[in-house]
Amino acid sequence: MRGHAEFRSCGDLTKQYRPRYHGAVPSVAKIVAAMRANPRSIRYDDLAKVCEHYFGPPRTTGGSHAVFKTPWPGDPRVNIQNDHGQAKAYQVRQVLAAIDKKEAQA
């Protein structure tokens, strides 16, 4: 049985492993800048974070697509799809177009 001197608290382990496995989470503005620079190298989780920031929670998440409602009539939705952890480039471009349209209306 281990003695008390060898026991590490959970706080010590969190401090030791957190930086390695849980890096800094980029802000929405940084993600959007990265999307504009290169739409092919965007993680799905980052794209979902941007969509939730601009359009609110997804209307549908049960299937392979997350569907976000946009505030204008016509085609009032943005669909994104998880492709092995990456976002699809054409969907990133569609999200950027929707963000630009929303900001132009404001």
PDB file of N, CA and C in Angstrom:
ATOM      1  N   MET A   1       0.838  -1.174   0.000  1.00  0.00           N
ATOM      2  CA  MET A   1       0.000   0.000   0.000  1.00  0.00           C
ATOM      3  C   MET A   1       0.884   1.238   0.000  1.00  0.00           C
ATOM      4  N   ARG A   2       0.477   2.253  -0.759  1.00  0.00           N
ATOM      5  CA  ARG A   2       1.247   3.477  -0.864  1.00  0.00           C
ATOM      6  C   ARG A   2       1.128   4.318   0.399  1.00  0.00           C
ATOM      7  N   GLY A   3       2.218   4.978   0.694  1.00  0.00           N
ATOM      8  CA  GLY A   3       2.190   5.915   1.813  1.00  0.00           C
ATOM      9  C   GLY A   3       1.636   7.247   1.366  1.00  0.00           C
ATOM     10  N   HIS A   4       1.317   8.089   2.308  1.00  0.00           N
ATOM     11  CA  HIS A   4       0.732   9.379   1.985  1.00  0.00           C
ATOM     12  C   HIS A   4       1.704  10.279   1.239  1.00  0.00           C
ATOM     13  N   ALA A   5       2.984  10.097   1.415  1.00  0.00           N
ATOM     14  CA  ALA A   5       3.975  10.938   0.751  1.00  0.00           C
ATOM     15  C   ALA A   5       3.990  10.689  -0.766  1.00  0.00           C
ATOM     16  N   GLU A   6       3.641   9.465  -1.176  1.00  0.00           N
ATOM     17  CA  GLU A   6       3.653   9.139  -2.603  1.00  0.00           C
ATOM     18  C   GLU A   6       2.367   9.535  -3.304  1.00  0.00           C
ATOM     19  N   PHE A   7       1.335   9.850  -2.570  1.00  0.00           N
ATOM     20  CA  PHE A   7       0.030  10.159  -3.149  1.00  0.00           C
ATOM     21  C   PHE A   7       0.040  11.562  -3.761  1.00  0.00           C
ATOM     22  N   ARG A   8      -0.438  11.650  -4.981  1.00  0.00           N
ATOM     23  CA  ARG A   8      -0.574  12.950  -5.652  1.00  0.00           C
ATOM     24  C   ARG A   8      -2.048  13.315  -5.703  1.00  0.00           C
ATOM     25  N   SER A   9      -2.333  14.557  -5.451  1.00  0.00           N
ATOM     26  CA  SER A   9      -3.727  14.984  -5.525  1.00  0.00           C
ATOM     27  C   SER A   9      -4.135  15.134  -6.988  1.00  0.00           C
ATOM     28  N   CYS A  10      -5.419  15.139  -7.238  1.00  0.00           N
ATOM     29  CA  CYS A  10      -5.919  15.310  -8.597  1.00  0.00           C
ATOM     30  C   CYS A  10      -5.520  16.667  -9.146  1.00  0.00           C
ATOM     31  N   GLY A  11      -5.442  17.670  -8.305  1.00  0.00           N
ATOM     32  CA  GLY A  11      -5.033  18.999  -8.757  1.00  0.00           C
ATOM     33  C   GLY A  11      -3.629  18.984  -9.324  1.00  0.00           C
ATOM     34  N   ASP A  12      -2.722  18.231  -8.712  1.00  0.00           N
ATOM     35  CA  ASP A  12      -1.356  18.135  -9.222  1.00  0.00           C
ATOM     36  C   ASP A  12      -1.335  17.479 -10.597  1.00  0.00           C
ATOM     37  N   LEU A  13      -2.122  16.438 -10.772  1.00  0.00           N
ATOM     38  CA  LEU A  13      -2.165  15.751 -12.064  1.00  0.00           C
ATOM     39  C   LEU A  13      -2.793  16.637 -13.129  1.00  0.00           C
ATOM     40  N   THR A  14      -3.818  17.393 -12.752  1.00  0.00           N
ATOM     41  CA  THR A  14      -4.458  18.285 -13.713  1.00  0.00           C
ATOM     42  C   THR A  14      -3.472  19.328 -14.209  1.00  0.00           C
ATOM     43  N   LYS A  15      -2.689  19.895 -13.306  1.00  0.00           N
ATOM     44  CA  LYS A  15      -1.705  20.895 -13.699  1.00  0.00           C
ATOM     45  C   LYS A  15      -0.645  20.282 -14.608  1.00  0.00           C
ATOM     46  N   GLN A  16      -0.308  19.038 -14.355  1.00  0.00           N
ATOM     47  CA  GLN A  16       0.743  18.377 -15.118  1.00  0.00           C
ATOM     48  C   GLN A  16       0.270  18.015 -16.528  1.00  0.00           C
ATOM     49  N   TYR A  17      -0.933  17.496 -16.683  1.00  0.00           N
ATOM     50  CA  TYR A  17      -1.377  16.968 -17.971  1.00  0.00           C
ATOM     51  C   TYR A  17      -2.257  17.925 -18.766  1.00  0.00           C
ATOM     52  N   ARG A  18      -2.881  18.892 -18.151  1.00  0.00           N
ATOM     53  CA  ARG A  18      -3.800  19.777 -18.852  1.00  0.00           C
ATOM     54  C   ARG A  18      -3.156  20.502 -20.038  1.00  0.00           C
ATOM     55  N   PRO A  19      -1.984  21.123 -19.906  1.00  0.00           N
ATOM     56  CA  PRO A  19      -1.423  21.822 -21.059  1.00  0.00           C
ATOM     57  C   PRO A  19      -1.126  20.899 -22.241  1.00  0.00           C
ATOM     58  N   ARG A  20      -0.785  19.673 -21.961  1.00  0.00           N
ATOM     59  CA  ARG A  20      -0.437  18.745 -23.036  1.00  0.00           C
ATOM     60  C   ARG A  20      -1.672  18.329 -23.832  1.00  0.00           C
ATOM     61  N   TYR A  21      -2.754  17.999 -23.162  1.00  0.00           N
ATOM     62  CA  TYR A  21      -3.920  17.439 -23.826  1.00  0.00           C
ATOM     63  C   TYR A  21      -5.027  18.454 -24.072  1.00  0.00           C
ATOM     64  N   HIS A  22      -5.002  19.578 -23.397  1.00  0.00           N
ATOM     65  CA  HIS A  22      -6.054  20.573 -23.536  1.00  0.00           C
ATOM     66  C   HIS A  22      -5.404  21.924 -23.820  1.00  0.00           C
ATOM     67  N   GLY A  23      -5.046  22.144 -25.064  1.00  0.00           N
ATOM     68  CA  GLY A  23      -4.423  23.399 -25.443  1.00  0.00           C
ATOM     69  C   GLY A  23      -5.409  24.544 -25.365  1.00  0.00           C
ATOM     70  N   ALA A  24      -4.958  25.710 -25.675  1.00  0.00           N
ATOM     71  CA  ALA A  24      -5.807  26.883 -25.634  1.00  0.00           C
ATOM     72  C   ALA A  24      -6.901  26.775 -26.691  1.00  0.00           C
ATOM     73  N   VAL A  25      -8.090  27.183 -26.332  1.00  0.00           N
ATOM     74  CA  VAL A  25      -9.216  27.163 -27.247  1.00  0.00           C
ATOM     75  C   VAL A  25      -9.226  28.492 -27.993  1.00  0.00           C
ATOM     76  N   PRO A  26      -9.181  28.460 -29.326  1.00  0.00           N
ATOM     77  CA  PRO A  26      -9.142  29.715 -30.071  1.00  0.00           C
ATOM     78  C   PRO A  26     -10.466  30.460 -29.987  1.00  0.00           C
ATOM     79  N   SER A  27     -10.407  31.783 -30.069  1.00  0.00           N
ATOM     80  CA  SER A  27     -11.616  32.591 -30.028  1.00  0.00           C
ATOM     81  C   SER A  27     -12.338  32.497 -31.371  1.00  0.00           C
ATOM     82  N   VAL A  28     -13.594  32.911 -31.378  1.00  0.00           N
ATOM     83  CA  VAL A  28     -14.391  32.872 -32.599  1.00  0.00           C
ATOM     84  C   VAL A  28     -13.742  33.739 -33.678  1.00  0.00           C
ATOM     85  N   ALA A  29     -13.229  34.914 -33.297  1.00  0.00           N
ATOM     86  CA  ALA A  29     -12.595  35.803 -34.274  1.00  0.00           C
ATOM     87  C   ALA A  29     -11.370  35.148 -34.915  1.00  0.00           C
ATOM     88  N   LYS A  30     -10.577  34.430 -34.118  1.00  0.00           N
ATOM     89  CA  LYS A  30      -9.401  33.750 -34.665  1.00  0.00           C
ATOM     90  C   LYS A  30      -9.798  32.608 -35.590  1.00  0.00           C
ATOM     91  N   ILE A  31     -10.865  31.906 -35.232  1.00  0.00           N
ATOM     92  CA  ILE A  31     -11.330  30.805 -36.082  1.00  0.00           C
ATOM     93  C   ILE A  31     -11.828  31.351 -37.419  1.00  0.00           C
ATOM     94  N   VAL A  32     -12.602  32.443 -37.377  1.00  0.00           N
ATOM     95  CA  VAL A  32     -13.116  33.044 -38.613  1.00  0.00           C
ATOM     96  C   VAL A  32     -11.955  33.522 -39.488  1.00  0.00           C
ATOM     97  N   ALA A  33     -10.935  34.112 -38.888  1.00  0.00           N
ATOM     98  CA  ALA A  33      -9.760  34.534 -39.660  1.00  0.00           C
ATOM     99  C   ALA A  33      -9.079  33.333 -40.314  1.00  0.00           C
ATOM    100  N   ALA A  34      -8.974  32.228 -39.587  1.00  0.00           N
ATOM    101  CA  ALA A  34      -8.384  31.010 -40.146  1.00  0.00           C
ATOM    102  C   ALA A  34      -9.264  30.436 -41.250  1.00  0.00           C
ATOM    103  N   MET A  35     -10.588  30.542 -41.094  1.00  0.00           N
ATOM    104  CA  MET A  35     -11.507  30.069 -42.124  1.00  0.00           C
ATOM    105  C   MET A  35     -11.322  30.856 -43.410  1.00  0.00           C
ATOM    106  N   ARG A  36     -11.140  32.156 -43.284  1.00  0.00           N
ATOM    107  CA  ARG A  36     -10.952  33.000 -44.468  1.00  0.00           C
ATOM    108  C   ARG A  36      -9.598  32.716 -45.132  1.00  0.00           C
ATOM    109  N   ALA A  37      -8.593  32.441 -44.334  1.00  0.00           N
ATOM    110  CA  ALA A  37      -7.257  32.182 -44.869  1.00  0.00           C
ATOM    111  C   ALA A  37      -7.179  30.837 -45.593  1.00  0.00           C
ATOM    112  N   ASN A  38      -7.790  29.806 -45.007  1.00  0.00           N
ATOM    113  CA  ASN A  38      -7.712  28.470 -45.599  1.00  0.00           C
ATOM    114  C   ASN A  38      -8.927  27.650 -45.181  1.00  0.00           C
ATOM    115  N   PRO A  39      -9.982  27.606 -45.994  1.00  0.00           N
ATOM    116  CA  PRO A  39     -11.191  26.864 -45.613  1.00  0.00           C
ATOM    117  C   PRO A  39     -11.019  25.347 -45.559  1.00  0.00           C
ATOM    118  N   ARG A  40      -9.907  24.823 -46.056  1.00  0.00           N
ATOM    119  CA  ARG A  40      -9.706  23.369 -46.077  1.00  0.00           C
ATOM    120  C   ARG A  40      -9.173  22.811 -44.759  1.00  0.00           C
ATOM    121  N   SER A  41      -8.597  23.643 -43.928  1.00  0.00           N
ATOM    122  CA  SER A  41      -7.954  23.112 -42.719  1.00  0.00           C
ATOM    123  C   SER A  41      -8.676  23.536 -41.449  1.00  0.00           C
ATOM    124  N   ILE A  42     -10.000  23.473 -41.444  1.00  0.00           N
ATOM    125  CA  ILE A  42     -10.805  23.876 -40.293  1.00  0.00           C
ATOM    126  C   ILE A  42     -11.393  22.634 -39.631  1.00  0.00           C
ATOM    127  N   ARG A  43     -11.228  22.564 -38.325  1.00  0.00           N
ATOM    128  CA  ARG A  43     -11.807  21.445 -37.577  1.00  0.00           C
ATOM    129  C   ARG A  43     -13.323  21.621 -37.468  1.00  0.00           C
ATOM    130  N   TYR A  44     -14.043  20.524 -37.472  1.00  0.00           N
ATOM    131  CA  TYR A  44     -15.496  20.559 -37.366  1.00  0.00           C
ATOM    132  C   TYR A  44     -15.936  21.244 -36.072  1.00  0.00           C
ATOM    133  N   ASP A  45     -15.281  20.935 -34.961  1.00  0.00           N
ATOM    134  CA  ASP A  45     -15.658  21.537 -33.678  1.00  0.00           C
ATOM    135  C   ASP A  45     -15.504  23.051 -33.710  1.00  0.00           C
ATOM    136  N   ASP A  46     -14.479  23.549 -34.391  1.00  0.00           N
ATOM    137  CA  ASP A  46     -14.286  24.992 -34.507  1.00  0.00           C
ATOM    138  C   ASP A  46     -15.382  25.617 -35.368  1.00  0.00           C
ATOM    139  N   LEU A  47     -15.747  24.962 -36.462  1.00  0.00           N
ATOM    140  CA  LEU A  47     -16.815  25.476 -37.315  1.00  0.00           C
ATOM    141  C   LEU A  47     -18.143  25.476 -36.560  1.00  0.00           C
ATOM    142  N   ALA A  48     -18.404  24.437 -35.795  1.00  0.00           N
ATOM    143  CA  ALA A  48     -19.634  24.383 -35.007  1.00  0.00           C
ATOM    144  C   ALA A  48     -19.663  25.511 -33.966  1.00  0.00           C
ATOM    145  N   LYS A  49     -18.523  25.803 -33.365  1.00  0.00           N
ATOM    146  CA  LYS A  49     -18.435  26.889 -32.388  1.00  0.00           C
ATOM    147  C   LYS A  49     -18.774  28.230 -33.040  1.00  0.00           C
ATOM    148  N   VAL A  50     -18.247  28.468 -34.234  1.00  0.00           N
ATOM    149  CA  VAL A  50     -18.529  29.704 -34.964  1.00  0.00           C
ATOM    150  C   VAL A  50     -20.016  29.783 -35.312  1.00  0.00           C
ATOM    151  N   CYS A  51     -20.580  28.693 -35.804  1.00  0.00           N
ATOM    152  CA  CYS A  51     -22.002  28.675 -36.172  1.00  0.00           C
ATOM    153  C   CYS A  51     -22.893  28.935 -34.964  1.00  0.00           C
ATOM    154  N   GLU A  52     -22.569  28.335 -33.828  1.00  0.00           N
ATOM    155  CA  GLU A  52     -23.363  28.576 -32.622  1.00  0.00           C
ATOM    156  C   GLU A  52     -23.247  30.027 -32.170  1.00  0.00           C
ATOM    157  N   HIS A  53     -22.092  30.631 -32.348  1.00  0.00           N
ATOM    158  CA  HIS A  53     -21.906  32.028 -31.967  1.00  0.00           C
ATOM    159  C   HIS A  53     -22.773  32.950 -32.820  1.00  0.00           C
ATOM    160  N   TYR A  54     -22.789  32.728 -34.126  1.00  0.00           N
ATOM    161  CA  TYR A  54     -23.511  33.611 -35.039  1.00  0.00           C
ATOM    162  C   TYR A  54     -24.988  33.254 -35.207  1.00  0.00           C
ATOM    163  N   PHE A  55     -25.344  31.976 -35.143  1.00  0.00           N
ATOM    164  CA  PHE A  55     -26.696  31.549 -35.492  1.00  0.00           C
ATOM    165  C   PHE A  55     -27.456  30.861 -34.363  1.00  0.00           C
ATOM    166  N   GLY A  56     -26.842  30.679 -33.214  1.00  0.00           N
ATOM    167  CA  GLY A  56     -27.507  30.017 -32.101  1.00  0.00           C
ATOM    168  C   GLY A  56     -27.317  28.512 -32.157  1.00  0.00           C
ATOM    169  N   PRO A  57     -27.968  27.796 -31.255  1.00  0.00           N
ATOM    170  CA  PRO A  57     -27.797  26.334 -31.214  1.00  0.00           C
ATOM    171  C   PRO A  57     -28.359  25.673 -32.476  1.00  0.00           C
ATOM    172  N   PRO A  58     -27.809  24.529 -32.844  1.00  0.00           N
ATOM    173  CA  PRO A  58     -28.299  23.859 -34.057  1.00  0.00           C
ATOM    174  C   PRO A  58     -29.723  23.359 -33.884  1.00  0.00           C
ATOM    175  N   ARG A  59     -30.469  23.426 -34.954  1.00  0.00           N
ATOM    176  CA  ARG A  59     -31.848  22.943 -34.947  1.00  0.00           C
ATOM    177  C   ARG A  59     -31.860  21.423 -34.993  1.00  0.00           C
ATOM    178  N   THR A  60     -30.941  20.856 -35.729  1.00  0.00           N
ATOM    179  CA  THR A  60     -30.871  19.405 -35.887  1.00  0.00           C
ATOM    180  C   THR A  60     -29.440  18.952 -35.669  1.00  0.00           C
ATOM    181  N   THR A  61     -29.267  17.922 -34.826  1.00  0.00           N
ATOM    182  CA  THR A  61     -27.946  17.339 -34.643  1.00  0.00           C
ATOM    183  C   THR A  61     -27.996  15.823 -34.649  1.00  0.00           C
ATOM    184  N   GLY A  62     -29.160  15.231 -34.829  1.00  0.00           N
ATOM    185  CA  GLY A  62     -29.305  13.790 -34.709  1.00  0.00           C
ATOM    186  C   GLY A  62     -28.637  12.997 -35.807  1.00  0.00           C
ATOM    187  N   GLY A  63     -28.598  13.527 -37.013  1.00  0.00           N
ATOM    188  CA  GLY A  63     -28.016  12.801 -38.131  1.00  0.00           C
ATOM    189  C   GLY A  63     -26.574  13.174 -38.350  1.00  0.00           C
ATOM    190  N   SER A  64     -26.181  13.131 -39.607  1.00  0.00           N
ATOM    191  CA  SER A  64     -24.793  13.432 -39.934  1.00  0.00           C
ATOM    192  C   SER A  64     -24.542  14.926 -40.096  1.00  0.00           C
ATOM    193  N   HIS A  65     -25.606  15.735 -40.144  1.00  0.00           N
ATOM    194  CA  HIS A  65     -25.475  17.172 -40.333  1.00  0.00           C
ATOM    195  C   HIS A  65     -25.977  17.923 -39.098  1.00  0.00           C
ATOM    196  N   ALA A  66     -25.371  19.060 -38.825  1.00  0.00           N
ATOM    197  CA  ALA A  66     -25.905  20.010 -37.850  1.00  0.00           C
ATOM    198  C   ALA A  66     -26.501  21.156 -38.664  1.00  0.00           C
ATOM    199  N   VAL A  67     -27.747  21.510 -38.380  1.00  0.00           N
ATOM    200  CA  VAL A  67     -28.465  22.511 -39.160  1.00  0.00           C
ATOM    201  C   VAL A  67     -28.692  23.739 -38.280  1.00  0.00           C
ATOM    202  N   PHE A  68     -28.219  24.897 -38.765  1.00  0.00           N
ATOM    203  CA  PHE A  68     -28.360  26.155 -38.038  1.00  0.00           C
ATOM    204  C   PHE A  68     -29.300  27.060 -38.819  1.00  0.00           C
ATOM    205  N   LYS A  69     -30.200  27.726 -38.104  1.00  0.00           N
ATOM    206  CA  LYS A  69     -31.171  28.622 -38.720  1.00  0.00           C
ATOM    207  C   LYS A  69     -30.558  30.010 -38.876  1.00  0.00           C
ATOM    208  N   THR A  70     -30.791  30.631 -40.032  1.00  0.00           N
ATOM    209  CA  THR A  70     -30.323  31.985 -40.285  1.00  0.00           C
ATOM    210  C   THR A  70     -31.512  32.945 -40.185  1.00  0.00           C
ATOM    211  N   PRO A  71     -31.265  34.231 -39.917  1.00  0.00           N
ATOM    212  CA  PRO A  71     -32.365  35.160 -39.651  1.00  0.00           C
ATOM    213  C   PRO A  71     -33.067  35.726 -40.889  1.00  0.00           C
ATOM    214  N   TRP A  72     -32.724  35.306 -42.099  1.00  0.00           N
ATOM    215  CA  TRP A  72     -33.351  35.876 -43.286  1.00  0.00           C
ATOM    216  C   TRP A  72     -34.221  34.844 -43.978  1.00  0.00           C
ATOM    217  N   PRO A  73     -35.228  35.302 -44.732  1.00  0.00           N
ATOM    218  CA  PRO A  73     -36.095  34.362 -45.461  1.00  0.00           C
ATOM    219  C   PRO A  73     -35.390  33.825 -46.707  1.00  0.00           C
ATOM    220  N   GLY A  74     -35.977  32.838 -47.302  1.00  0.00           N
ATOM    221  CA  GLY A  74     -35.392  32.222 -48.498  1.00  0.00           C
ATOM    222  C   GLY A  74     -34.839  30.858 -48.149  1.00  0.00           C
ATOM    223  N   ASP A  75     -33.528  30.755 -48.104  1.00  0.00           N
ATOM    224  CA  ASP A  75     -32.884  29.505 -47.711  1.00  0.00           C
ATOM    225  C   ASP A  75     -32.343  29.707 -46.292  1.00  0.00           C
ATOM    226  N   PRO A  76     -33.208  29.587 -45.297  1.00  0.00           N
ATOM    227  CA  PRO A  76     -32.841  29.995 -43.932  1.00  0.00           C
ATOM    228  C   PRO A  76     -32.113  28.930 -43.123  1.00  0.00           C
ATOM    229  N   ARG A  77     -31.033  28.387 -43.674  1.00  0.00           N
ATOM    230  CA  ARG A  77     -30.310  27.388 -42.887  1.00  0.00           C
ATOM    231  C   ARG A  77     -28.857  27.288 -43.355  1.00  0.00           C
ATOM    232  N   VAL A  78     -28.041  26.822 -42.424  1.00  0.00           N
ATOM    233  CA  VAL A  78     -26.643  26.521 -42.702  1.00  0.00           C
ATOM    234  C   VAL A  78     -26.422  25.094 -42.240  1.00  0.00           C
ATOM    235  N   ASN A  79     -25.956  24.246 -43.135  1.00  0.00           N
ATOM    236  CA  ASN A  79     -25.677  22.847 -42.795  1.00  0.00           C
ATOM    237  C   ASN A  79     -24.173  22.651 -42.693  1.00  0.00           C
ATOM    238  N   ILE A  80     -23.760  21.937 -41.645  1.00  0.00           N
ATOM    239  CA  ILE A  80     -22.351  21.551 -41.558  1.00  0.00           C
ATOM    240  C   ILE A  80     -22.281  20.062 -41.268  1.00  0.00           C
ATOM    241  N   GLN A  81     -21.199  19.460 -41.699  1.00  0.00           N
ATOM    242  CA  GLN A  81     -21.055  18.006 -41.620  1.00  0.00           C
ATOM    243  C   GLN A  81     -19.663  17.655 -41.104  1.00  0.00           C
ATOM    244  N   ASN A  82     -19.609  16.706 -40.181  1.00  0.00           N
ATOM    245  CA  ASN A  82     -18.344  16.244 -39.629  1.00  0.00           C
ATOM    246  C   ASN A  82     -17.750  15.192 -40.570  1.00  0.00           C
ATOM    247  N   ASP A  83     -16.574  15.488 -41.095  1.00  0.00           N
ATOM    248  CA  ASP A  83     -15.886  14.567 -42.004  1.00  0.00           C
ATOM    249  C   ASP A  83     -14.594  14.116 -41.335  1.00  0.00           C
ATOM    250  N   HIS A  84     -14.705  13.140 -40.440  1.00  0.00           N
ATOM    251  CA  HIS A  84     -13.562  12.599 -39.697  1.00  0.00           C
ATOM    252  C   HIS A  84     -12.844  13.698 -38.901  1.00  0.00           C
ATOM    253  N   GLY A  85     -13.627  14.559 -38.258  1.00  0.00           N
ATOM    254  CA  GLY A  85     -13.066  15.612 -37.422  1.00  0.00           C
ATOM    255  C   GLY A  85     -12.794  16.916 -38.149  1.00  0.00           C
ATOM    256  N   GLN A  86     -12.865  16.906 -39.461  1.00  0.00           N
ATOM    257  CA  GLN A  86     -12.630  18.113 -40.250  1.00  0.00           C
ATOM    258  C   GLN A  86     -13.955  18.622 -40.818  1.00  0.00           C
ATOM    259  N   ALA A  87     -14.001  19.918 -41.090  1.00  0.00           N
ATOM    260  CA  ALA A  87     -15.157  20.510 -41.759  1.00  0.00           C
ATOM    261  C   ALA A  87     -14.925  20.454 -43.264  1.00  0.00           C
ATOM    262  N   LYS A  88     -16.006  20.329 -44.017  1.00  0.00           N
ATOM    263  CA  LYS A  88     -15.884  20.320 -45.475  1.00  0.00           C
ATOM    264  C   LYS A  88     -15.661  21.751 -45.957  1.00  0.00           C
ATOM    265  N   ALA A  89     -14.741  21.927 -46.894  1.00  0.00           N
ATOM    266  CA  ALA A  89     -14.331  23.259 -47.347  1.00  0.00           C
ATOM    267  C   ALA A  89     -15.500  24.044 -47.937  1.00  0.00           C
ATOM    268  N   TYR A  90     -16.357  23.395 -48.728  1.00  0.00           N
ATOM    269  CA  TYR A  90     -17.463  24.129 -49.331  1.00  0.00           C
ATOM    270  C   TYR A  90     -18.452  24.593 -48.267  1.00  0.00           C
ATOM    271  N   GLN A  91     -18.594  23.835 -47.177  1.00  0.00           N
ATOM    272  CA  GLN A  91     -19.480  24.255 -46.095  1.00  0.00           C
ATOM    273  C   GLN A  91     -18.867  25.407 -45.307  1.00  0.00           C
ATOM    274  N   VAL A  92     -17.545  25.415 -45.167  1.00  0.00           N
ATOM    275  CA  VAL A  92     -16.865  26.537 -44.511  1.00  0.00           C
ATOM    276  C   VAL A  92     -17.117  27.805 -45.322  1.00  0.00           C
ATOM    277  N   ARG A  93     -17.014  27.715 -46.649  1.00  0.00           N
ATOM    278  CA  ARG A  93     -17.265  28.878 -47.501  1.00  0.00           C
ATOM    279  C   ARG A  93     -18.725  29.330 -47.403  1.00  0.00           C
ATOM    280  N   GLN A  94     -19.663  28.386 -47.283  1.00  0.00           N
ATOM    281  CA  GLN A  94     -21.072  28.741 -47.122  1.00  0.00           C
ATOM    282  C   GLN A  94     -21.302  29.452 -45.790  1.00  0.00           C
ATOM    283  N   VAL A  95     -20.652  28.995 -44.733  1.00  0.00           N
ATOM    284  CA  VAL A  95     -20.777  29.639 -43.427  1.00  0.00           C
ATOM    285  C   VAL A  95     -20.207  31.053 -43.488  1.00  0.00           C
ATOM    286  N   LEU A  96     -19.060  31.238 -44.143  1.00  0.00           N
ATOM    287  CA  LEU A  96     -18.475  32.567 -44.284  1.00  0.00           C
ATOM    288  C   LEU A  96     -19.413  33.502 -45.045  1.00  0.00           C
ATOM    289  N   ALA A  97     -20.049  33.001 -46.107  1.00  0.00           N
ATOM    290  CA  ALA A  97     -20.998  33.818 -46.871  1.00  0.00           C
ATOM    291  C   ALA A  97     -22.193  34.207 -45.991  1.00  0.00           C
ATOM    292  N   ALA A  98     -22.672  33.272 -45.171  1.00  0.00           N
ATOM    293  CA  ALA A  98     -23.797  33.564 -44.284  1.00  0.00           C
ATOM    294  C   ALA A  98     -23.398  34.583 -43.212  1.00  0.00           C
ATOM    295  N   ILE A  99     -22.183  34.480 -42.685  1.00  0.00           N
ATOM    296  CA  ILE A  99     -21.696  35.444 -41.694  1.00  0.00           C
ATOM    297  C   ILE A  99     -21.603  36.829 -42.336  1.00  0.00           C
ATOM    298  N   ASP A 100     -21.052  36.907 -43.540  1.00  0.00           N
ATOM    299  CA  ASP A 100     -20.940  38.191 -44.242  1.00  0.00           C
ATOM    300  C   ASP A 100     -22.308  38.805 -44.494  1.00  0.00           C
ATOM    301  N   LYS A 101     -23.268  37.980 -44.891  1.00  0.00           N
ATOM    302  CA  LYS A 101     -24.626  38.468 -45.131  1.00  0.00           C
ATOM    303  C   LYS A 101     -25.266  38.969 -43.852  1.00  0.00           C
ATOM    304  N   LYS A 102     -25.064  38.239 -42.759  1.00  0.00           N
ATOM    305  CA  LYS A 102     -25.644  38.648 -41.479  1.00  0.00           C
ATOM    306  C   LYS A 102     -25.014  39.961 -40.994  1.00  0.00           C
ATOM    307  N   GLU A 103     -23.703  40.101 -41.145  1.00  0.00           N
ATOM    308  CA  GLU A 103     -23.035  41.321 -40.708  1.00  0.00           C
ATOM    309  C   GLU A 103     -23.405  42.511 -41.596  1.00  0.00           C
ATOM    310  N   ALA A 104     -23.698  42.274 -42.889  1.00  0.00           N
ATOM    311  CA  ALA A 104     -24.116  43.348 -43.783  1.00  0.00           C
ATOM    312  C   ALA A 104     -25.505  43.863 -43.417  1.00  0.00           C
ATOM    313  N   GLN A 105     -26.360  42.984 -42.899  1.00  0.00           N
ATOM    314  CA  GLN A 105     -27.704  43.378 -42.499  1.00  0.00           C
ATOM    315  C   GLN A 105     -27.731  44.139 -41.179  1.00  0.00           C
ATOM    316  N   ALA A 106     -26.708  43.943 -40.374  1.00  0.00           N
ATOM    317  CA  ALA A 106     -26.701  44.575 -39.037  1.00  0.00           C
ATOM    318  C   ALA A 106     -26.380  46.042 -39.068  1.00  0.00           C
TER     319      ALA A 106
END
